[in-house]
Amino acid sequence: MTTHGPVLPVWTCGGCDLPWPCPTRRRELRAEYDRAPVSLAIYMGSYLVWAAEDLVWLPAGTLHRRFVGWVR
């Protein structure tokens, strides 16, 4: 299990204190969902919805880029 999980409700990384998902967690997720990019997008979309409830001061575009914009 990774140490790079989200620290709620501030959504920082528990492993490196960067905004979650941090670069390390993104790499881990890309490897984990290598053959299932649509599943990764759905998974991260659910985190986007969850984070939007806590991070109400961040613009929607910023949240989108942070949680699903990197998923290809």
N, C-alpha and C. Protein backbone atom coordinates (compact mmCIF):
# COMPACT_ATOMS: atom_id res chain seq x y z
N MET A 1 0.84 -1.18 0.00
CA MET A 1 0.00 0.00 0.00
C MET A 1 0.88 1.24 0.00
N THR A 2 0.48 2.25 -0.71
CA THR A 2 1.23 3.49 -0.83
C THR A 2 1.07 4.37 0.41
N THR A 3 2.08 5.16 0.67
CA THR A 3 1.98 6.16 1.73
C THR A 3 1.50 7.49 1.16
N HIS A 4 1.27 7.51 -0.13
CA HIS A 4 0.87 8.75 -0.81
C HIS A 4 -0.64 8.85 -0.96
N GLY A 5 -1.33 8.67 0.14
CA GLY A 5 -2.78 8.81 0.16
C GLY A 5 -3.19 10.21 0.56
N PRO A 6 -4.46 10.56 0.32
CA PRO A 6 -4.91 11.92 0.64
C PRO A 6 -5.11 12.12 2.14
N VAL A 7 -4.73 13.30 2.61
CA VAL A 7 -5.01 13.73 3.98
C VAL A 7 -6.20 14.68 3.89
N LEU A 8 -7.30 14.24 4.46
CA LEU A 8 -8.53 15.00 4.37
C LEU A 8 -8.71 15.88 5.59
N PRO A 9 -9.38 17.00 5.50
CA PRO A 9 -10.10 17.56 4.36
C PRO A 9 -9.27 18.51 3.50
N VAL A 10 -7.96 18.58 3.74
CA VAL A 10 -7.14 19.54 3.00
C VAL A 10 -6.59 18.99 1.69
N TRP A 11 -6.72 17.69 1.49
CA TRP A 11 -6.31 17.03 0.25
C TRP A 11 -4.84 17.26 -0.08
N THR A 12 -4.00 17.05 0.94
CA THR A 12 -2.56 17.01 0.70
C THR A 12 -2.13 15.55 0.76
N CYS A 13 -0.94 15.28 0.29
CA CYS A 13 -0.43 13.92 0.26
C CYS A 13 0.16 13.55 1.62
N GLY A 14 -0.20 12.39 2.12
CA GLY A 14 0.32 11.91 3.38
C GLY A 14 1.78 11.50 3.30
N GLY A 15 2.31 11.31 2.11
CA GLY A 15 3.69 10.87 1.95
C GLY A 15 4.67 11.99 1.70
N CYS A 16 4.23 13.04 1.01
CA CYS A 16 5.17 14.11 0.64
C CYS A 16 4.63 15.51 0.88
N ASP A 17 3.40 15.64 1.34
CA ASP A 17 2.76 16.91 1.70
C ASP A 17 2.48 17.82 0.50
N LEU A 18 2.55 17.29 -0.71
CA LEU A 18 2.15 18.05 -1.91
C LEU A 18 0.65 17.93 -2.09
N PRO A 19 0.05 18.77 -2.93
CA PRO A 19 -1.38 18.58 -3.22
C PRO A 19 -1.62 17.18 -3.78
N TRP A 20 -2.67 16.54 -3.28
CA TRP A 20 -2.99 15.18 -3.72
C TRP A 20 -3.92 15.22 -4.92
N PRO A 21 -3.73 14.39 -5.93
CA PRO A 21 -2.72 13.35 -6.08
C PRO A 21 -1.37 13.94 -6.48
N CYS A 22 -0.36 13.60 -5.73
CA CYS A 22 1.00 14.07 -5.99
C CYS A 22 1.58 13.34 -7.20
N PRO A 23 2.69 13.81 -7.72
CA PRO A 23 3.31 13.12 -8.87
C PRO A 23 3.59 11.64 -8.63
N THR A 24 4.02 11.29 -7.42
CA THR A 24 4.29 9.89 -7.12
C THR A 24 3.01 9.07 -7.20
N ARG A 25 1.93 9.57 -6.61
CA ARG A 25 0.67 8.82 -6.63
C ARG A 25 0.13 8.72 -8.05
N ARG A 26 0.31 9.77 -8.84
CA ARG A 26 -0.14 9.71 -10.23
C ARG A 26 0.60 8.61 -10.99
N ARG A 27 1.91 8.51 -10.77
CA ARG A 27 2.68 7.43 -11.42
C ARG A 27 2.19 6.06 -10.97
N GLU A 28 1.94 5.92 -9.68
CA GLU A 28 1.43 4.65 -9.16
C GLU A 28 0.08 4.30 -9.78
N LEU A 29 -0.79 5.30 -9.87
CA LEU A 29 -2.12 5.05 -10.44
C LEU A 29 -2.03 4.72 -11.92
N ARG A 30 -1.17 5.41 -12.66
CA ARG A 30 -1.00 5.09 -14.09
C ARG A 30 -0.53 3.65 -14.26
N ALA A 31 0.38 3.21 -13.41
CA ALA A 31 0.87 1.82 -13.49
C ALA A 31 -0.23 0.84 -13.10
N GLU A 32 -0.96 1.16 -12.07
CA GLU A 32 -2.03 0.27 -11.59
C GLU A 32 -3.16 0.12 -12.61
N TYR A 33 -3.47 1.20 -13.30
CA TYR A 33 -4.58 1.21 -14.27
C TYR A 33 -4.07 1.23 -15.70
N ASP A 34 -2.89 0.68 -15.92
CA ASP A 34 -2.24 0.70 -17.23
C ASP A 34 -3.15 0.23 -18.36
N ARG A 35 -3.89 -0.82 -18.14
CA ARG A 35 -4.75 -1.40 -19.18
C ARG A 35 -6.21 -0.97 -19.04
N ALA A 36 -6.48 -0.01 -18.13
CA ALA A 36 -7.87 0.40 -17.88
C ALA A 36 -7.96 1.92 -17.68
N PRO A 37 -7.61 2.71 -18.70
CA PRO A 37 -7.62 4.16 -18.53
C PRO A 37 -9.00 4.74 -18.24
N VAL A 38 -10.04 4.14 -18.78
CA VAL A 38 -11.40 4.63 -18.50
C VAL A 38 -11.74 4.41 -17.03
N SER A 39 -11.34 3.27 -16.51
CA SER A 39 -11.57 3.00 -15.08
C SER A 39 -10.81 4.00 -14.21
N LEU A 40 -9.60 4.35 -14.61
CA LEU A 40 -8.83 5.36 -13.87
C LEU A 40 -9.55 6.70 -13.90
N ALA A 41 -10.07 7.08 -15.06
CA ALA A 41 -10.79 8.35 -15.18
C ALA A 41 -12.03 8.37 -14.29
N ILE A 42 -12.76 7.27 -14.25
CA ILE A 42 -13.94 7.19 -13.39
C ILE A 42 -13.53 7.25 -11.92
N TYR A 43 -12.50 6.51 -11.58
CA TYR A 43 -11.99 6.49 -10.20
C TYR A 43 -11.59 7.90 -9.76
N MET A 44 -10.82 8.58 -10.58
CA MET A 44 -10.37 9.92 -10.22
C MET A 44 -11.51 10.93 -10.26
N GLY A 45 -12.49 10.69 -11.13
CA GLY A 45 -13.68 11.56 -11.15
C GLY A 45 -14.44 11.49 -9.84
N SER A 46 -14.47 10.31 -9.24
CA SER A 46 -15.15 10.20 -7.95
C SER A 46 -14.38 10.98 -6.87
N TYR A 47 -13.06 10.97 -6.95
CA TYR A 47 -12.27 11.78 -6.02
C TYR A 47 -12.49 13.27 -6.28
N LEU A 48 -12.63 13.65 -7.54
CA LEU A 48 -12.90 15.05 -7.87
C LEU A 48 -14.18 15.53 -7.19
N VAL A 49 -15.23 14.75 -7.27
CA VAL A 49 -16.51 15.12 -6.65
C VAL A 49 -16.34 15.23 -5.14
N TRP A 50 -15.66 14.27 -4.55
CA TRP A 50 -15.43 14.27 -3.11
C TRP A 50 -14.62 15.50 -2.68
N ALA A 51 -13.54 15.78 -3.40
CA ALA A 51 -12.67 16.91 -3.06
C ALA A 51 -13.38 18.25 -3.26
N ALA A 52 -14.24 18.34 -4.25
CA ALA A 52 -14.97 19.59 -4.50
C ALA A 52 -15.83 19.99 -3.31
N GLU A 53 -16.27 19.02 -2.53
CA GLU A 53 -17.05 19.32 -1.34
C GLU A 53 -16.19 19.95 -0.25
N ASP A 54 -14.91 19.59 -0.20
CA ASP A 54 -14.00 20.13 0.82
C ASP A 54 -13.25 21.37 0.35
N LEU A 55 -12.90 21.43 -0.92
CA LEU A 55 -12.07 22.51 -1.44
C LEU A 55 -12.91 23.53 -2.20
N VAL A 56 -13.90 24.06 -1.53
CA VAL A 56 -14.87 24.95 -2.18
C VAL A 56 -14.26 26.26 -2.68
N TRP A 57 -13.10 26.64 -2.17
CA TRP A 57 -12.47 27.89 -2.58
C TRP A 57 -11.66 27.75 -3.86
N LEU A 58 -11.40 26.53 -4.30
CA LEU A 58 -10.63 26.33 -5.53
C LEU A 58 -11.56 26.37 -6.75
N PRO A 59 -11.12 27.04 -7.82
CA PRO A 59 -11.93 27.05 -9.04
C PRO A 59 -12.11 25.64 -9.60
N ALA A 60 -13.24 25.42 -10.23
CA ALA A 60 -13.57 24.11 -10.79
C ALA A 60 -12.51 23.63 -11.78
N GLY A 61 -11.98 24.55 -12.60
CA GLY A 61 -10.95 24.17 -13.58
C GLY A 61 -9.68 23.67 -12.91
N THR A 62 -9.32 24.28 -11.80
CA THR A 62 -8.14 23.86 -11.06
C THR A 62 -8.34 22.45 -10.51
N LEU A 63 -9.51 22.20 -9.95
CA LEU A 63 -9.81 20.86 -9.44
C LEU A 63 -9.82 19.83 -10.56
N HIS A 64 -10.40 20.20 -11.69
CA HIS A 64 -10.44 19.28 -12.83
C HIS A 64 -9.04 18.89 -13.27
N ARG A 65 -8.17 19.88 -13.46
CA ARG A 65 -6.79 19.60 -13.88
C ARG A 65 -6.08 18.73 -12.85
N ARG A 66 -6.30 19.02 -11.58
CA ARG A 66 -5.61 18.30 -10.51
C ARG A 66 -6.05 16.84 -10.40
N PHE A 67 -7.35 16.58 -10.56
CA PHE A 67 -7.84 15.24 -10.33
C PHE A 67 -8.03 14.40 -11.59
N VAL A 68 -8.42 14.99 -12.69
CA VAL A 68 -8.64 14.18 -13.89
C VAL A 68 -7.93 14.70 -15.13
N GLY A 69 -7.42 15.91 -15.09
CA GLY A 69 -6.78 16.49 -16.27
C GLY A 69 -5.53 15.75 -16.72
N TRP A 70 -4.89 15.04 -15.82
CA TRP A 70 -3.66 14.30 -16.16
C TRP A 70 -3.93 12.90 -16.67
N VAL A 71 -5.19 12.45 -16.54
CA VAL A 71 -5.55 11.10 -16.98
C VAL A 71 -5.75 11.10 -18.49
N ARG A 72 -5.05 10.20 -19.18
CA ARG A 72 -5.18 10.14 -20.65
C ARG A 72 -5.76 8.81 -21.05
